[in-house]
Amino acid sequence: MIKKEFERKRKEKKQEKQKRRENRKKSNASKSFEDMIAYVDEFGNITDTPPEPQKKEKVMLESILISTPKKEEEEYIPLSGKVDFFNTNRGFGFIKKANSGEKYFFHINNAFASIEEGNTVTFDLERGKMGMNAVNIAILE
């Protein structure tokens, strides 16, 4: 009894699906290709009307330059800050940037061995595994 009901429901679903498919085909067959086309205006909005033809400017081939722009030399200014924390046993510490108060990790390999807490230093930044690290550290006197 249950098997027969299940089979009957399955057949009904299949017939309904076939009817929906046929209805979809009929409704889409009435649409022409021109009705389905959509245009995008200069602001990114989708419209049914085609855009108005615009005047095209003629470009002289001689006016086109194919090259990379020369990079101007920028004056390099290293960052400055104060050694906020330094662990001499493990050889790492943190430098607090002078203007913003941000802290950057550094390792003794990127600094002088005589570095101590409270020293004013200049440094560069380099992306590390856990964030920005201070490198090329020099002590200011």
Protein backbone atom coordinates (compact mmCIF):
# COMPACT_ATOMS: atom_id res chain seq x y z
CA MET A 1 0.00 0.00 0.00
CA ILE A 2 2.73 2.49 0.93
CA LYS A 3 4.76 1.56 -2.15
CA LYS A 4 1.81 2.27 -4.44
CA GLU A 5 1.19 5.69 -2.84
CA PHE A 6 4.85 6.59 -3.11
CA GLU A 7 4.93 5.57 -6.79
CA ARG A 8 1.74 7.56 -7.51
CA LYS A 9 3.14 10.72 -5.85
CA ARG A 10 6.36 10.35 -7.81
CA LYS A 11 4.47 10.16 -11.10
CA GLU A 12 2.35 13.21 -10.18
CA LYS A 13 5.47 15.24 -9.40
CA LYS A 14 6.99 14.20 -12.69
CA GLN A 15 3.86 15.27 -14.61
CA GLU A 16 3.73 18.64 -12.78
CA LYS A 17 7.37 19.24 -13.60
CA GLN A 18 6.71 18.44 -17.28
CA LYS A 19 3.76 20.90 -17.34
CA ARG A 20 5.86 23.67 -15.80
CA ARG A 21 8.63 23.05 -18.35
CA GLU A 22 6.13 23.32 -21.22
CA ASN A 23 4.64 26.53 -19.80
CA ARG A 24 8.12 28.04 -19.50
CA LYS A 25 8.89 27.17 -23.12
CA LYS A 26 5.64 28.76 -24.29
CA SER A 27 6.21 31.98 -22.37
CA ASN A 28 9.83 32.31 -23.52
CA ALA A 29 8.98 31.54 -27.15
CA SER A 30 6.92 34.74 -27.38
CA LYS A 31 9.92 36.91 -26.42
CA SER A 32 12.15 38.04 -29.25
CA PHE A 33 15.89 38.47 -29.02
CA GLU A 34 15.53 42.28 -29.02
CA ASP A 35 13.21 42.07 -25.99
CA MET A 36 15.85 40.19 -24.03
CA ILE A 37 18.74 42.60 -24.68
CA ALA A 38 19.73 44.93 -21.83
CA TYR A 39 22.10 47.91 -21.99
CA VAL A 40 24.30 49.48 -19.34
CA ASP A 41 24.55 53.27 -19.25
CA GLU A 42 27.61 55.32 -18.23
CA PHE A 43 26.50 55.23 -14.58
CA GLY A 44 26.23 51.41 -14.48
CA ASN A 45 22.41 51.29 -14.56
CA ILE A 46 20.70 48.60 -16.65
CA THR A 47 18.26 50.00 -19.23
CA ASP A 48 16.15 48.78 -22.16
CA THR A 49 17.11 51.62 -24.48
CA PRO A 50 20.39 51.53 -26.38
CA PRO A 51 22.90 54.29 -25.62
CA GLU A 52 23.09 57.30 -27.90
CA PRO A 53 26.07 57.22 -30.25
CA GLN A 54 28.77 59.56 -29.03
CA LYS A 55 31.22 61.54 -31.08
CA LYS A 56 34.50 59.70 -31.31
CA GLU A 57 37.73 61.64 -31.09
CA LYS A 58 40.45 60.79 -33.54
CA VAL A 59 43.75 60.08 -31.86
CA MET A 60 46.98 60.62 -33.71
CA LEU A 61 49.31 57.65 -33.43
CA GLU A 62 52.27 59.95 -32.83
CA SER A 63 50.62 61.32 -29.67
CA ILE A 64 50.54 57.89 -27.98
CA LEU A 65 53.56 57.31 -25.76
CA ILE A 66 54.44 53.76 -24.86
CA SER A 67 56.76 53.87 -21.89
CA THR A 68 56.81 53.64 -18.15
CA PRO A 69 56.92 56.91 -16.25
CA LYS A 70 60.20 57.61 -14.53
CA LYS A 71 59.98 57.37 -10.81
CA GLU A 72 61.16 60.46 -9.03
CA GLU A 73 63.69 59.95 -6.30
CA GLU A 74 62.05 60.38 -2.93
CA GLU A 75 63.94 61.59 0.06
CA TYR A 76 64.23 58.70 2.49
CA ILE A 77 63.48 59.49 6.13
CA PRO A 78 63.76 56.59 8.60
CA LEU A 79 61.18 56.24 11.36
CA SER A 80 62.12 57.16 14.91
CA GLY A 81 61.03 55.88 18.27
CA LYS A 82 62.05 54.68 21.70
CA VAL A 83 62.86 51.16 22.89
CA ASP A 84 59.85 50.41 25.08
CA PHE A 85 60.82 46.90 26.14
CA PHE A 86 63.91 44.73 25.60
CA ASN A 87 64.61 41.22 26.92
CA THR A 88 68.38 40.70 26.88
CA ASN A 89 68.14 36.96 27.63
CA ARG A 90 65.89 36.16 24.68
CA GLY A 91 67.12 38.95 22.36
CA PHE A 92 63.87 40.64 21.38
CA GLY A 93 61.99 43.79 22.21
CA PHE A 94 59.49 46.42 21.13
CA ILE A 95 60.01 49.91 19.78
CA LYS A 96 57.33 52.53 20.36
CA LYS A 97 56.99 54.89 17.38
CA ALA A 98 57.47 58.54 18.35
CA ASN A 99 54.43 60.13 16.66
CA SER A 100 51.68 57.53 16.85
CA GLY A 101 52.65 55.37 19.80
CA GLU A 102 52.44 52.16 17.73
CA LYS A 103 54.69 49.33 18.90
CA TYR A 104 56.85 47.25 16.57
CA PHE A 105 58.63 44.00 17.35
CA PHE A 106 62.37 43.73 16.77
CA HIS A 107 65.04 41.07 17.21
CA ILE A 108 68.63 41.69 18.35
CA ASN A 109 69.86 40.51 14.91
CA ASN A 110 68.37 43.73 13.45
CA ALA A 111 69.94 46.03 16.07
CA PHE A 112 73.21 46.75 17.85
CA ALA A 113 74.14 44.53 20.78
CA SER A 114 74.40 47.57 23.06
CA ILE A 115 70.72 48.48 22.73
CA GLU A 116 68.81 49.05 26.00
CA GLU A 117 65.35 50.11 27.14
CA GLY A 118 64.82 53.85 26.82
CA ASN A 119 67.22 54.32 23.86
CA THR A 120 66.02 56.62 21.10
CA VAL A 121 66.42 54.82 17.78
CA THR A 122 65.74 55.11 14.07
CA PHE A 123 64.41 52.10 12.19
CA ASP A 124 62.75 50.78 9.05
CA LEU A 125 59.68 48.56 8.85
CA GLU A 126 59.42 45.14 7.26
CA ARG A 127 56.42 42.81 7.07
CA GLY A 128 56.92 39.71 9.21
CA LYS A 129 54.82 36.65 10.01
CA MET A 130 52.87 38.36 12.80
CA GLY A 131 52.85 41.95 11.49
CA MET A 132 55.29 44.76 10.94
CA ASN A 133 58.80 44.34 12.38
CA ALA A 134 61.46 46.97 13.00
CA VAL A 135 64.71 46.37 11.08
CA ASN A 136 67.92 48.34 10.40
CA ILE A 137 67.80 49.80 13.90
CA ALA A 138 70.33 52.51 14.74
CA ILE A 139 70.78 54.22 18.10
CA LEU A 140 70.55 58.04 18.17
CA GLU A 141 72.78 59.87 20.61
